[in-house]
Amino acid sequence: MSITEIKIAVKQLSQNELAEFVEWLDEFQESLWDRQIEEDLKAGKLDPLIQQAEAAFSEGKCRQI
């Protein structure tokens, strides 16, 4: 199915169906984001940020929540 076909199909949804689709799409996007974060974490891409946050916490520049 092409993007054009998907757009046409979405335009034909009822309000309830559209709301359900939007909810599903939001959850799908969130799962993709979560998967990307997990992959980046495993690959070490977030290590500099983690180290920076740990240093800031150790230096008292932030507090535990």
C-alpha atoms as a PDB file:
ATOM      1  CA  MET A   1       0.000   0.000   0.000  1.00  0.00           C
ATOM      2  CA  SER A   2       1.376   3.399  -0.927  1.00  0.00           C
ATOM      3  CA  ILE A   3       1.369   6.547   1.194  1.00  0.00           C
ATOM      4  CA  THR A   4      -1.235   8.025  -1.145  1.00  0.00           C
ATOM      5  CA  GLU A   5      -3.493   4.993  -0.635  1.00  0.00           C
ATOM      6  CA  ILE A   6      -3.038   5.240   3.132  1.00  0.00           C
ATOM      7  CA  LYS A   7      -3.937   8.941   3.098  1.00  0.00           C
ATOM      8  CA  ILE A   8      -7.077   8.219   1.087  1.00  0.00           C
ATOM      9  CA  ALA A   9      -8.049   5.398   3.453  1.00  0.00           C
ATOM     10  CA  VAL A  10      -7.490   7.596   6.528  1.00  0.00           C
ATOM     11  CA  LYS A  11      -9.714  10.308   5.055  1.00  0.00           C
ATOM     12  CA  GLN A  12     -12.508   7.742   4.754  1.00  0.00           C
ATOM     13  CA  LEU A  13     -12.432   6.766   8.443  1.00  0.00           C
ATOM     14  CA  SER A  14     -15.245   7.746  10.777  1.00  0.00           C
ATOM     15  CA  GLN A  15     -14.398  10.028  13.699  1.00  0.00           C
ATOM     16  CA  ASN A  16     -14.292   7.045  16.065  1.00  0.00           C
ATOM     17  CA  GLU A  17     -12.112   5.036  13.707  1.00  0.00           C
ATOM     18  CA  LEU A  18      -9.816   8.018  13.204  1.00  0.00           C
ATOM     19  CA  ALA A  19      -9.472   8.480  16.963  1.00  0.00           C
ATOM     20  CA  GLU A  20      -8.633   4.780  17.324  1.00  0.00           C
ATOM     21  CA  PHE A  21      -6.116   5.001  14.480  1.00  0.00           C
ATOM     22  CA  VAL A  22      -4.445   8.102  15.953  1.00  0.00           C
ATOM     23  CA  GLU A  23      -4.173   6.376  19.333  1.00  0.00           C
ATOM     24  CA  TRP A  24      -2.630   3.311  17.692  1.00  0.00           C
ATOM     25  CA  LEU A  25      -0.231   5.460  15.662  1.00  0.00           C
ATOM     26  CA  ASP A  26       0.900   7.339  18.782  1.00  0.00           C
ATOM     27  CA  GLU A  27       1.556   4.052  20.589  1.00  0.00           C
ATOM     28  CA  PHE A  28       3.388   2.692  17.534  1.00  0.00           C
ATOM     29  CA  GLN A  29       5.615   5.779  17.323  1.00  0.00           C
ATOM     30  CA  GLU A  30       6.349   5.536  21.046  1.00  0.00           C
ATOM     31  CA  SER A  31       7.380   1.897  20.654  1.00  0.00           C
ATOM     32  CA  LEU A  32       9.714   2.840  17.788  1.00  0.00           C
ATOM     33  CA  TRP A  33      11.238   5.587  19.941  1.00  0.00           C
ATOM     34  CA  ASP A  34      11.673   3.165  22.859  1.00  0.00           C
ATOM     35  CA  ARG A  35      13.354   0.637  20.566  1.00  0.00           C
ATOM     36  CA  GLN A  36      15.721   3.318  19.221  1.00  0.00           C
ATOM     37  CA  ILE A  37      16.647   4.406  22.757  1.00  0.00           C
ATOM     38  CA  GLU A  38      17.351   0.780  23.716  1.00  0.00           C
ATOM     39  CA  GLU A  39      19.515   0.267  20.621  1.00  0.00           C
ATOM     40  CA  ASP A  40      21.418   3.499  21.258  1.00  0.00           C
ATOM     41  CA  LEU A  41      21.928   2.532  24.889  1.00  0.00           C
ATOM     42  CA  LYS A  42      23.275  -0.917  23.952  1.00  0.00           C
ATOM     43  CA  ALA A  43      25.561   0.652  21.321  1.00  0.00           C
ATOM     44  CA  GLY A  44      26.992   3.072  23.895  1.00  0.00           C
ATOM     45  CA  LYS A  45      25.717   6.145  22.098  1.00  0.00           C
ATOM     46  CA  LEU A  46      24.212   7.486  25.327  1.00  0.00           C
ATOM     47  CA  ASP A  47      27.279   6.863  27.489  1.00  0.00           C
ATOM     48  CA  PRO A  48      28.590  10.457  27.231  1.00  0.00           C
ATOM     49  CA  LEU A  49      25.202  11.821  28.295  1.00  0.00           C
ATOM     50  CA  ILE A  50      24.970   9.360  31.177  1.00  0.00           C
ATOM     51  CA  GLN A  51      28.462  10.297  32.336  1.00  0.00           C
ATOM     52  CA  GLN A  52      27.625  13.987  32.079  1.00  0.00           C
ATOM     53  CA  ALA A  53      24.441  13.514  34.141  1.00  0.00           C
ATOM     54  CA  GLU A  54      26.268  11.437  36.761  1.00  0.00           C
ATOM     55  CA  ALA A  55      28.996  14.087  37.035  1.00  0.00           C
ATOM     56  CA  ALA A  56      26.432  16.878  37.395  1.00  0.00           C
ATOM     57  CA  PHE A  57      24.677  14.902  40.129  1.00  0.00           C
ATOM     58  CA  SER A  58      27.964  14.206  41.947  1.00  0.00           C
ATOM     59  CA  GLU A  59      28.860  17.903  41.776  1.00  0.00           C
ATOM     60  CA  GLY A  60      25.519  18.833  43.342  1.00  0.00           C
ATOM     61  CA  LYS A  61      24.272  20.574  40.183  1.00  0.00           C
ATOM     62  CA  CYS A  62      21.039  18.606  40.328  1.00  0.00           C
ATOM     63  CA  ARG A  63      19.052  16.634  42.843  1.00  0.00           C
ATOM     64  CA  GLN A  64      17.416  13.252  42.935  1.00  0.00           C
ATOM     65  CA  ILE A  65      13.710  13.197  42.129  1.00  0.00           C
END
